[in-house]
PDB file of N, CA and C in Angstrom:
ATOM      1  N   MET A   1     -23.153  21.260  -5.540  1.00  0.00           N
ATOM      2  CA  MET A   1     -22.546  22.095  -6.585  1.00  0.00           C
ATOM      3  C   MET A   1     -22.532  21.406  -7.888  1.00  0.00           C
ATOM      4  N   ALA A   2     -23.253  21.870  -8.850  1.00  0.00           N
ATOM      5  CA  ALA A   2     -23.299  21.272 -10.149  1.00  0.00           C
ATOM      6  C   ALA A   2     -22.154  21.804 -10.991  1.00  0.00           C
ATOM      7  N   SER A   3     -21.566  20.873 -11.713  1.00  0.00           N
ATOM      8  CA  SER A   3     -20.530  21.273 -12.624  1.00  0.00           C
ATOM      9  C   SER A   3     -20.936  20.843 -14.037  1.00  0.00           C
ATOM     10  N   LYS A   4     -20.593  21.640 -15.001  1.00  0.00           N
ATOM     11  CA  LYS A   4     -20.960  21.336 -16.380  1.00  0.00           C
ATOM     12  C   LYS A   4     -19.966  20.220 -16.867  1.00  0.00           C
ATOM     13  N   PRO A   5     -20.523  19.255 -17.654  1.00  0.00           N
ATOM     14  CA  PRO A   5     -19.628  18.227 -18.116  1.00  0.00           C
ATOM     15  C   PRO A   5     -18.551  18.761 -19.007  1.00  0.00           C
ATOM     16  N   SER A   6     -17.384  18.153 -18.920  1.00  0.00           N
ATOM     17  CA  SER A   6     -16.303  18.583 -19.759  1.00  0.00           C
ATOM     18  C   SER A   6     -16.294  17.817 -21.074  1.00  0.00           C
ATOM     19  N   VAL A   7     -15.691  18.395 -22.072  1.00  0.00           N
ATOM     20  CA  VAL A   7     -15.571  17.764 -23.356  1.00  0.00           C
ATOM     21  C   VAL A   7     -14.337  16.851 -23.248  1.00  0.00           C
ATOM     22  N   ILE A   8     -14.453  15.593 -23.564  1.00  0.00           N
ATOM     23  CA  ILE A   8     -13.398  14.631 -23.386  1.00  0.00           C
ATOM     24  C   ILE A   8     -12.689  14.527 -24.818  1.00  0.00           C
ATOM     25  N   ASP A   9     -11.419  14.742 -24.783  1.00  0.00           N
ATOM     26  CA  ASP A   9     -10.632  14.585 -25.985  1.00  0.00           C
ATOM     27  C   ASP A   9     -10.569  13.107 -26.325  1.00  0.00           C
ATOM     28  N   PRO A  10     -10.857  12.676 -27.525  1.00  0.00           N
ATOM     29  CA  PRO A  10     -10.810  11.290 -27.881  1.00  0.00           C
ATOM     30  C   PRO A  10      -9.422  10.657 -27.651  1.00  0.00           C
ATOM     31  N   ALA A  11      -8.387  11.417 -27.821  1.00  0.00           N
ATOM     32  CA  ALA A  11      -7.018  10.945 -27.596  1.00  0.00           C
ATOM     33  C   ALA A  11      -6.795  10.629 -26.071  1.00  0.00           C
ATOM     34  N   ASP A  12      -7.339  11.482 -25.244  1.00  0.00           N
ATOM     35  CA  ASP A  12      -7.255  11.259 -23.788  1.00  0.00           C
ATOM     36  C   ASP A  12      -8.011   9.993 -23.419  1.00  0.00           C
ATOM     37  N   GLU A  13      -9.190   9.819 -23.974  1.00  0.00           N
ATOM     38  CA  GLU A  13     -10.031   8.660 -23.688  1.00  0.00           C
ATOM     39  C   GLU A  13      -9.298   7.392 -24.131  1.00  0.00           C
ATOM     40  N   ARG A  14      -8.672   7.418 -25.305  1.00  0.00           N
ATOM     41  CA  ARG A  14      -7.935   6.281 -25.779  1.00  0.00           C
ATOM     42  C   ARG A  14      -6.776   5.993 -24.915  1.00  0.00           C
ATOM     43  N   ALA A  15      -6.060   6.988 -24.429  1.00  0.00           N
ATOM     44  CA  ALA A  15      -4.898   6.763 -23.504  1.00  0.00           C
ATOM     45  C   ALA A  15      -5.381   6.210 -22.220  1.00  0.00           C
ATOM     46  N   ALA A  16      -6.552   6.641 -21.700  1.00  0.00           N
ATOM     47  CA  ALA A  16      -7.072   6.127 -20.454  1.00  0.00           C
ATOM     48  C   ALA A  16      -7.478   4.682 -20.603  1.00  0.00           C
ATOM     49  N   ALA A  17      -8.070   4.325 -21.790  1.00  0.00           N
ATOM     50  CA  ALA A  17      -8.450   2.936 -22.048  1.00  0.00           C
ATOM     51  C   ALA A  17      -7.223   2.057 -22.115  1.00  0.00           C
ATOM     52  N   ILE A  18      -6.158   2.523 -22.753  1.00  0.00           N
ATOM     53  CA  ILE A  18      -4.909   1.766 -22.864  1.00  0.00           C
ATOM     54  C   ILE A  18      -4.355   1.561 -21.470  1.00  0.00           C
ATOM     55  N   GLN A  19      -4.361   2.598 -20.634  1.00  0.00           N
ATOM     56  CA  GLN A  19      -3.820   2.458 -19.287  1.00  0.00           C
ATOM     57  C   GLN A  19      -4.641   1.496 -18.458  1.00  0.00           C
ATOM     58  N   ARG A  20      -5.999   1.478 -18.576  1.00  0.00           N
ATOM     59  CA  ARG A  20      -6.749   0.483 -17.865  1.00  0.00           C
ATOM     60  C   ARG A  20      -6.497  -0.933 -18.359  1.00  0.00           C
ATOM     61  N   LEU A  21      -6.381  -1.124 -19.677  1.00  0.00           N
ATOM     62  CA  LEU A  21      -6.039  -2.511 -20.193  1.00  0.00           C
ATOM     63  C   LEU A  21      -4.660  -2.908 -19.753  1.00  0.00           C
ATOM     64  N   SER A  22      -3.719  -2.004 -19.741  1.00  0.00           N
ATOM     65  CA  SER A  22      -2.352  -2.349 -19.259  1.00  0.00           C
ATOM     66  C   SER A  22      -2.358  -2.730 -17.791  1.00  0.00           C
ATOM     67  N   ALA A  23      -3.138  -2.046 -16.980  1.00  0.00           N
ATOM     68  CA  ALA A  23      -3.211  -2.356 -15.569  1.00  0.00           C
ATOM     69  C   ALA A  23      -3.827  -3.743 -15.371  1.00  0.00           C
ATOM     70  N   ARG A  24      -4.848  -4.085 -16.159  1.00  0.00           N
ATOM     71  CA  ARG A  24      -5.435  -5.431 -16.027  1.00  0.00           C
ATOM     72  C   ARG A  24      -4.447  -6.502 -16.445  1.00  0.00           C
ATOM     73  N   ARG A  25      -3.738  -6.246 -17.529  1.00  0.00           N
ATOM     74  CA  ARG A  25      -2.738  -7.237 -17.989  1.00  0.00           C
ATOM     75  C   ARG A  25      -1.613  -7.403 -16.905  1.00  0.00           C
ATOM     76  N   ASP A  26      -1.168  -6.278 -16.352  1.00  0.00           N
ATOM     77  CA  ASP A  26      -0.166  -6.350 -15.312  1.00  0.00           C
ATOM     78  C   ASP A  26      -0.655  -7.159 -14.073  1.00  0.00           C
ATOM     79  N   PHE A  27      -1.930  -6.990 -13.740  1.00  0.00           N
ATOM     80  CA  PHE A  27      -2.493  -7.736 -12.648  1.00  0.00           C
ATOM     81  C   PHE A  27      -2.466  -9.205 -12.947  1.00  0.00           C
ATOM     82  N   GLY A  28      -2.838  -9.562 -14.155  1.00  0.00           N
ATOM     83  CA  GLY A  28      -2.826 -10.993 -14.539  1.00  0.00           C
ATOM     84  C   GLY A  28      -1.468 -11.561 -14.411  1.00  0.00           C
ATOM     85  N   THR A  29      -0.400 -10.837 -14.859  1.00  0.00           N
ATOM     86  CA  THR A  29       0.981 -11.282 -14.709  1.00  0.00           C
ATOM     87  C   THR A  29       1.333 -11.431 -13.225  1.00  0.00           C
ATOM     88  N   HIS A  30       0.889 -10.509 -12.389  1.00  0.00           N
ATOM     89  CA  HIS A  30       1.163 -10.575 -10.999  1.00  0.00           C
ATOM     90  C   HIS A  30       0.530 -11.837 -10.354  1.00  0.00           C
ATOM     91  N   VAL A  31      -0.657 -12.187 -10.739  1.00  0.00           N
ATOM     92  CA  VAL A  31      -1.312 -13.406 -10.245  1.00  0.00           C
ATOM     93  C   VAL A  31      -0.596 -14.638 -10.705  1.00  0.00           C
ATOM     94  N   VAL A  32      -0.228 -14.686 -11.959  1.00  0.00           N
ATOM     95  CA  VAL A  32       0.552 -15.883 -12.482  1.00  0.00           C
ATOM     96  C   VAL A  32       1.818 -16.074 -11.714  1.00  0.00           C
ATOM     97  N   CYS A  33       2.578 -14.992 -11.537  1.00  0.00           N
ATOM     98  CA  CYS A  33       3.818 -15.042 -10.789  1.00  0.00           C
ATOM     99  C   CYS A  33       3.584 -15.502  -9.332  1.00  0.00           C
ATOM    100  N   TYR A  34       2.523 -15.066  -8.726  1.00  0.00           N
ATOM    101  CA  TYR A  34       2.190 -15.466  -7.361  1.00  0.00           C
ATOM    102  C   TYR A  34       1.932 -16.984  -7.334  1.00  0.00           C
ATOM    103  N   VAL A  35       1.170 -17.498  -8.239  1.00  0.00           N
ATOM    104  CA  VAL A  35       0.812 -18.897  -8.294  1.00  0.00           C
ATOM    105  C   VAL A  35       2.091 -19.759  -8.532  1.00  0.00           C
ATOM    106  N   VAL A  36       2.896 -19.377  -9.543  1.00  0.00           N
ATOM    107  CA  VAL A  36       4.030 -20.146  -9.913  1.00  0.00           C
ATOM    108  C   VAL A  36       5.073 -20.195  -8.765  1.00  0.00           C
ATOM    109  N   VAL A  37       5.391 -19.051  -8.260  1.00  0.00           N
ATOM    110  CA  VAL A  37       6.431 -18.996  -7.217  1.00  0.00           C
ATOM    111  C   VAL A  37       5.913 -19.709  -5.951  1.00  0.00           C
ATOM    112  N   ASN A  38       4.650 -19.573  -5.587  1.00  0.00           N
ATOM    113  CA  ASN A  38       4.192 -20.193  -4.374  1.00  0.00           C
ATOM    114  C   ASN A  38       4.029 -21.682  -4.536  1.00  0.00           C
ATOM    115  N   LEU A  39       3.682 -22.154  -5.724  1.00  0.00           N
ATOM    116  CA  LEU A  39       3.682 -23.584  -5.971  1.00  0.00           C
ATOM    117  C   LEU A  39       5.086 -24.188  -5.869  1.00  0.00           C
ATOM    118  N   GLY A  40       6.069 -23.402  -6.346  1.00  0.00           N
ATOM    119  CA  GLY A  40       7.463 -23.812  -6.199  1.00  0.00           C
ATOM    120  C   GLY A  40       7.898 -23.902  -4.719  1.00  0.00           C
ATOM    121  N   LEU A  41       7.488 -22.913  -3.913  1.00  0.00           N
ATOM    122  CA  LEU A  41       7.778 -22.914  -2.522  1.00  0.00           C
ATOM    123  C   LEU A  41       7.111 -24.081  -1.839  1.00  0.00           C
ATOM    124  N   ILE A  42       5.876 -24.337  -2.182  1.00  0.00           N
ATOM    125  CA  ILE A  42       5.164 -25.444  -1.540  1.00  0.00           C
ATOM    126  C   ILE A  42       5.833 -26.778  -1.939  1.00  0.00           C
ATOM    127  N   ALA A  43       6.306 -26.889  -3.162  1.00  0.00           N
ATOM    128  CA  ALA A  43       7.016 -28.123  -3.583  1.00  0.00           C
ATOM    129  C   ALA A  43       8.287 -28.277  -2.808  1.00  0.00           C
ATOM    130  N   ILE A  44       9.025 -27.216  -2.604  1.00  0.00           N
ATOM    131  CA  ILE A  44      10.295 -27.304  -1.819  1.00  0.00           C
ATOM    132  C   ILE A  44       9.957 -27.739  -0.400  1.00  0.00           C
ATOM    133  N   TRP A  45       8.849 -27.098   0.208  1.00  0.00           N
ATOM    134  CA  TRP A  45       8.459 -27.466   1.545  1.00  0.00           C
ATOM    135  C   TRP A  45       8.098 -28.939   1.613  1.00  0.00           C
ATOM    136  N   TYR A  46       7.361 -29.435   0.630  1.00  0.00           N
ATOM    137  CA  TYR A  46       6.981 -30.853   0.667  1.00  0.00           C
ATOM    138  C   TYR A  46       8.175 -31.778   0.561  1.00  0.00           C
ATOM    139  N   ILE A  47       9.057 -31.486  -0.390  1.00  0.00           N
ATOM    140  CA  ILE A  47      10.245 -32.329  -0.615  1.00  0.00           C
ATOM    141  C   ILE A  47      11.148 -32.310   0.610  1.00  0.00           C
ATOM    142  N   ALA A  48      11.215 -31.144   1.329  1.00  0.00           N
ATOM    143  CA  ALA A  48      12.118 -31.004   2.455  1.00  0.00           C
ATOM    144  C   ALA A  48      11.540 -31.647   3.758  1.00  0.00           C
ATOM    145  N   GLY A  49      10.418 -32.289   3.691  1.00  0.00           N
ATOM    146  CA  GLY A  49       9.900 -32.986   4.832  1.00  0.00           C
ATOM    147  C   GLY A  49       8.565 -32.506   5.321  1.00  0.00           C
ATOM    148  N   HIS A  50       8.018 -31.520   4.759  1.00  0.00           N
ATOM    149  CA  HIS A  50       6.700 -30.970   5.073  1.00  0.00           C
ATOM    150  C   HIS A  50       6.296 -31.033   6.546  1.00  0.00           C
ATOM    151  N   SER A  51       7.080 -30.360   7.375  1.00  0.00           N
ATOM    152  CA  SER A  51       6.750 -30.257   8.767  1.00  0.00           C
ATOM    153  C   SER A  51       5.965 -28.977   9.031  1.00  0.00           C
ATOM    154  N   TYR A  52       6.675 -27.871   9.420  1.00  0.00           N
ATOM    155  CA  TYR A  52       6.040 -26.572   9.637  1.00  0.00           C
ATOM    156  C   TYR A  52       5.774 -25.942   8.266  1.00  0.00           C
ATOM    157  N   PHE A  53       4.573 -25.488   8.041  1.00  0.00           N
ATOM    158  CA  PHE A  53       4.187 -24.898   6.721  1.00  0.00           C
ATOM    159  C   PHE A  53       4.672 -23.448   6.599  1.00  0.00           C
ATOM    160  N   TRP A  54       5.934 -23.283   6.418  1.00  0.00           N
ATOM    161  CA  TRP A  54       6.536 -21.949   6.269  1.00  0.00           C
ATOM    162  C   TRP A  54       6.145 -21.223   5.010  1.00  0.00           C
ATOM    163  N   PRO A  55       5.712 -21.880   3.895  1.00  0.00           N
ATOM    164  CA  PRO A  55       5.299 -21.154   2.716  1.00  0.00           C
ATOM    165  C   PRO A  55       4.047 -20.321   3.005  1.00  0.00           C
ATOM    166  N   GLY A  56       3.326 -20.641   4.075  1.00  0.00           N
ATOM    167  CA  GLY A  56       2.119 -19.883   4.404  1.00  0.00           C
ATOM    168  C   GLY A  56       2.423 -18.403   4.669  1.00  0.00           C
ATOM    169  N   TRP A  57       3.627 -18.133   5.175  1.00  0.00           N
ATOM    170  CA  TRP A  57       4.019 -16.714   5.429  1.00  0.00           C
ATOM    171  C   TRP A  57       4.108 -15.963   4.079  1.00  0.00           C
ATOM    172  N   VAL A  58       4.701 -16.598   3.140  1.00  0.00           N
ATOM    173  CA  VAL A  58       4.836 -15.966   1.842  1.00  0.00           C
ATOM    174  C   VAL A  58       3.438 -15.847   1.146  1.00  0.00           C
ATOM    175  N   LEU A  59       2.718 -16.901   1.201  1.00  0.00           N
ATOM    176  CA  LEU A  59       1.323 -16.884   0.669  1.00  0.00           C
ATOM    177  C   LEU A  59       0.540 -15.737   1.253  1.00  0.00           C
ATOM    178  N   ALA A  60       0.583 -15.587   2.571  1.00  0.00           N
ATOM    179  CA  ALA A  60      -0.194 -14.544   3.222  1.00  0.00           C
ATOM    180  C   ALA A  60       0.291 -13.137   2.857  1.00  0.00           C
ATOM    181  N   ALA A  61       1.610 -12.952   3.003  1.00  0.00           N
ATOM    182  CA  ALA A  61       2.152 -11.598   2.739  1.00  0.00           C
ATOM    183  C   ALA A  61       2.003 -11.146   1.333  1.00  0.00           C
ATOM    184  N   TRP A  62       2.320 -12.046   0.381  1.00  0.00           N
ATOM    185  CA  TRP A  62       2.170 -11.699  -1.011  1.00  0.00           C
ATOM    186  C   TRP A  62       0.683 -11.660  -1.404  1.00  0.00           C
ATOM    187  N   GLY A  63      -0.166 -12.453  -0.714  1.00  0.00           N
ATOM    188  CA  GLY A  63      -1.581 -12.413  -0.961  1.00  0.00           C
ATOM    189  C   GLY A  63      -2.183 -11.085  -0.646  1.00  0.00           C
ATOM    190  N   ILE A  64      -1.669 -10.391   0.407  1.00  0.00           N
ATOM    191  CA  ILE A  64      -2.107  -9.057   0.738  1.00  0.00           C
ATOM    192  C   ILE A  64      -1.795  -8.133  -0.430  1.00  0.00           C
ATOM    193  N   GLY A  65      -0.613  -8.295  -0.993  1.00  0.00           N
ATOM    194  CA  GLY A  65      -0.229  -7.460  -2.165  1.00  0.00           C
ATOM    195  C   GLY A  65      -1.129  -7.702  -3.325  1.00  0.00           C
ATOM    196  N   ILE A  66      -1.532  -9.015  -3.546  1.00  0.00           N
ATOM    197  CA  ILE A  66      -2.452  -9.289  -4.657  1.00  0.00           C
ATOM    198  C   ILE A  66      -3.845  -8.677  -4.413  1.00  0.00           C
ATOM    199  N   VAL A  67      -4.305  -8.712  -3.205  1.00  0.00           N
ATOM    200  CA  VAL A  67      -5.611  -8.152  -2.896  1.00  0.00           C
ATOM    201  C   VAL A  67      -5.584  -6.634  -3.135  1.00  0.00           C
ATOM    202  N   LEU A  68      -4.515  -5.958  -2.688  1.00  0.00           N
ATOM    203  CA  LEU A  68      -4.389  -4.526  -2.872  1.00  0.00           C
ATOM    204  C   LEU A  68      -4.243  -4.166  -4.335  1.00  0.00           C
ATOM    205  N   HIS A  69      -3.544  -4.982  -5.054  1.00  0.00           N
ATOM    206  CA  HIS A  69      -3.366  -4.747  -6.536  1.00  0.00           C
ATOM    207  C   HIS A  69      -4.726  -4.914  -7.250  1.00  0.00           C
ATOM    208  N   ALA A  70      -5.516  -5.930  -6.812  1.00  0.00           N
ATOM    209  CA  ALA A  70      -6.826  -6.168  -7.387  1.00  0.00           C
ATOM    210  C   ALA A  70      -7.741  -4.967  -7.131  1.00  0.00           C
ATOM    211  N   TRP A  71      -7.691  -4.450  -5.866  1.00  0.00           N
ATOM    212  CA  TRP A  71      -8.487  -3.293  -5.501  1.00  0.00           C
ATOM    213  C   TRP A  71      -8.082  -2.088  -6.353  1.00  0.00           C
ATOM    214  N   ASP A  72      -6.817  -1.907  -6.583  1.00  0.00           N
ATOM    215  CA  ASP A  72      -6.341  -0.773  -7.376  1.00  0.00           C
ATOM    216  C   ASP A  72      -6.810  -0.904  -8.833  1.00  0.00           C
ATOM    217  N   VAL A  73      -6.794  -2.088  -9.378  1.00  0.00           N
ATOM    218  CA  VAL A  73      -7.193  -2.277 -10.792  1.00  0.00           C
ATOM    219  C   VAL A  73      -8.709  -2.312 -10.943  1.00  0.00           C
ATOM    220  N   TYR A  74      -9.431  -3.037 -10.110  1.00  0.00           N
ATOM    221  CA  TYR A  74     -10.804  -3.245 -10.326  1.00  0.00           C
ATOM    222  C   TYR A  74     -11.786  -2.515  -9.391  1.00  0.00           C
ATOM    223  N   GLY A  75     -11.285  -2.079  -8.218  1.00  0.00           N
ATOM    224  CA  GLY A  75     -12.134  -1.514  -7.217  1.00  0.00           C
ATOM    225  C   GLY A  75     -12.239   0.002  -7.175  1.00  0.00           C
ATOM    226  N   ARG A  76     -11.125   0.629  -7.493  1.00  0.00           N
ATOM    227  CA  ARG A  76     -11.074   2.093  -7.383  1.00  0.00           C
ATOM    228  C   ARG A  76     -11.823   2.763  -8.586  1.00  0.00           C
ATOM    229  N   ARG A  77     -12.597   3.717  -8.270  1.00  0.00           N
ATOM    230  CA  ARG A  77     -13.290   4.430  -9.359  1.00  0.00           C
ATOM    231  C   ARG A  77     -12.418   5.536  -9.906  1.00  0.00           C
ATOM    232  N   PRO A  78     -12.541   5.850 -11.154  1.00  0.00           N
ATOM    233  CA  PRO A  78     -11.719   6.959 -11.713  1.00  0.00           C
ATOM    234  C   PRO A  78     -12.099   8.311 -11.136  1.00  0.00           C
ATOM    235  N   ILE A  79     -11.168   9.244 -11.198  1.00  0.00           N
ATOM    236  CA  ILE A  79     -11.414  10.598 -10.715  1.00  0.00           C
ATOM    237  C   ILE A  79     -12.317  11.314 -11.705  1.00  0.00           C
ATOM    238  N   THR A  80     -13.376  11.883 -11.232  1.00  0.00           N
ATOM    239  CA  THR A  80     -14.332  12.580 -12.137  1.00  0.00           C
ATOM    240  C   THR A  80     -14.152  14.108 -12.002  1.00  0.00           C
ATOM    241  N   GLU A  81     -14.766  14.825 -12.966  1.00  0.00           N
ATOM    242  CA  GLU A  81     -14.700  16.262 -12.954  1.00  0.00           C
ATOM    243  C   GLU A  81     -15.369  16.793 -11.660  1.00  0.00           C
ATOM    244  N   ALA A  82     -16.391  16.109 -11.177  1.00  0.00           N
ATOM    245  CA  ALA A  82     -17.048  16.529  -9.951  1.00  0.00           C
ATOM    246  C   ALA A  82     -16.092  16.404  -8.734  1.00  0.00           C
ATOM    247  N   ASP A  83     -15.305  15.328  -8.696  1.00  0.00           N
ATOM    248  CA  ASP A  83     -14.273  15.150  -7.727  1.00  0.00           C
ATOM    249  C   ASP A  83     -13.268  16.310  -7.733  1.00  0.00           C
ATOM    250  N   ILE A  84     -12.862  16.626  -8.908  1.00  0.00           N
ATOM    251  CA  ILE A  84     -11.865  17.732  -9.062  1.00  0.00           C
ATOM    252  C   ILE A  84     -12.471  19.063  -8.618  1.00  0.00           C
ATOM    253  N   ALA A  85     -13.676  19.356  -9.004  1.00  0.00           N
ATOM    254  CA  ALA A  85     -14.345  20.617  -8.644  1.00  0.00           C
ATOM    255  C   ALA A  85     -14.545  20.671  -7.132  1.00  0.00           C
ATOM    256  N   ARG A  86     -14.918  19.556  -6.520  1.00  0.00           N
ATOM    257  CA  ARG A  86     -15.120  19.536  -5.088  1.00  0.00           C
ATOM    258  C   ARG A  86     -13.813  19.748  -4.328  1.00  0.00           C
ATOM    259  N   GLU A  87     -12.726  19.157  -4.832  1.00  0.00           N
ATOM    260  CA  GLU A  87     -11.420  19.358  -4.144  1.00  0.00           C
ATOM    261  C   GLU A  87     -10.955  20.798  -4.348  1.00  0.00           C
ATOM    262  N   MET A  88     -11.130  21.338  -5.485  1.00  0.00           N
ATOM    263  CA  MET A  88     -10.721  22.735  -5.764  1.00  0.00           C
ATOM    264  C   MET A  88     -11.547  23.703  -4.852  1.00  0.00           C
ATOM    265  N   GLY A  89     -12.823  23.365  -4.603  1.00  0.00           N
ATOM    266  CA  GLY A  89     -13.673  24.182  -3.771  1.00  0.00           C
ATOM    267  C   GLY A  89     -13.222  24.142  -2.317  1.00  0.00           C
ATOM    268  N   ARG A  90     -12.655  23.066  -1.857  1.00  0.00           N
ATOM    269  CA  ARG A  90     -12.182  22.921  -0.509  1.00  0.00           C
ATOM    270  C   ARG A  90     -11.043  23.814  -0.211  1.00  0.00           C
ATOM    271  N   HIS A  91     -10.247  24.143  -1.218  1.00  0.00           N
ATOM    272  CA  HIS A  91      -8.974  24.857  -1.037  1.00  0.00           C
ATOM    273  C   HIS A  91      -9.024  26.311  -1.525  1.00  0.00           C
ATOM    274  N   THR A  92     -10.191  26.792  -1.776  1.00  0.00           N
ATOM    275  CA  THR A  92     -10.213  28.219  -2.210  1.00  0.00           C
ATOM    276  C   THR A  92     -10.604  29.067  -0.997  1.00  0.00           C
ATOM    277  N   ALA A  93     -10.032  30.221  -0.984  1.00  0.00           N
ATOM    278  CA  ALA A  93     -10.292  31.135   0.162  1.00  0.00           C
ATOM    279  C   ALA A  93     -11.684  31.725  -0.010  1.00  0.00           C
ATOM    280  N   PRO A  94     -12.429  31.907   1.124  1.00  0.00           N
ATOM    281  CA  PRO A  94     -13.723  32.545   1.005  1.00  0.00           C
ATOM    282  C   PRO A  94     -13.548  34.005   0.654  1.00  0.00           C
ATOM    283  N   PRO A  95     -14.566  34.601  -0.015  1.00  0.00           N
ATOM    284  CA  PRO A  95     -14.464  35.969  -0.426  1.00  0.00           C
ATOM    285  C   PRO A  95     -14.369  36.845   0.862  1.00  0.00           C
ATOM    286  N   PRO A  96     -13.554  37.943   0.786  1.00  0.00           N
ATOM    287  CA  PRO A  96     -13.446  38.814   1.918  1.00  0.00           C
ATOM    288  C   PRO A  96     -14.817  39.540   2.197  1.00  0.00           C
ATOM    289  N   GLY A  97     -15.086  39.715   3.416  1.00  0.00           N
ATOM    290  CA  GLY A  97     -16.316  40.478   3.531  1.00  0.00           C
ATOM    291  C   GLY A  97     -16.895  40.600   4.842  1.00  0.00           C
TER     292      GLY A  97
END
């Protein structure tokens, strides 16, 4: 099903660009927090006798969050007009007949 391209409002395109830049900046902040907090936990673990590596649980659990955040920011493709048209076509009733 071919759909004609839509006219993109420059204000909408600017808002979308700002949203993408903001998401990338937020991801960078998330990574910095992850590194700083986990380095602190590793330091506490080391000072406390460094037997069982319990910070690994935090590293792994929070690391999953980092990976999912990275996928959301860099891996997901934007919704296109073709996606919208396809979804709308799935939910329309067939003509009576």
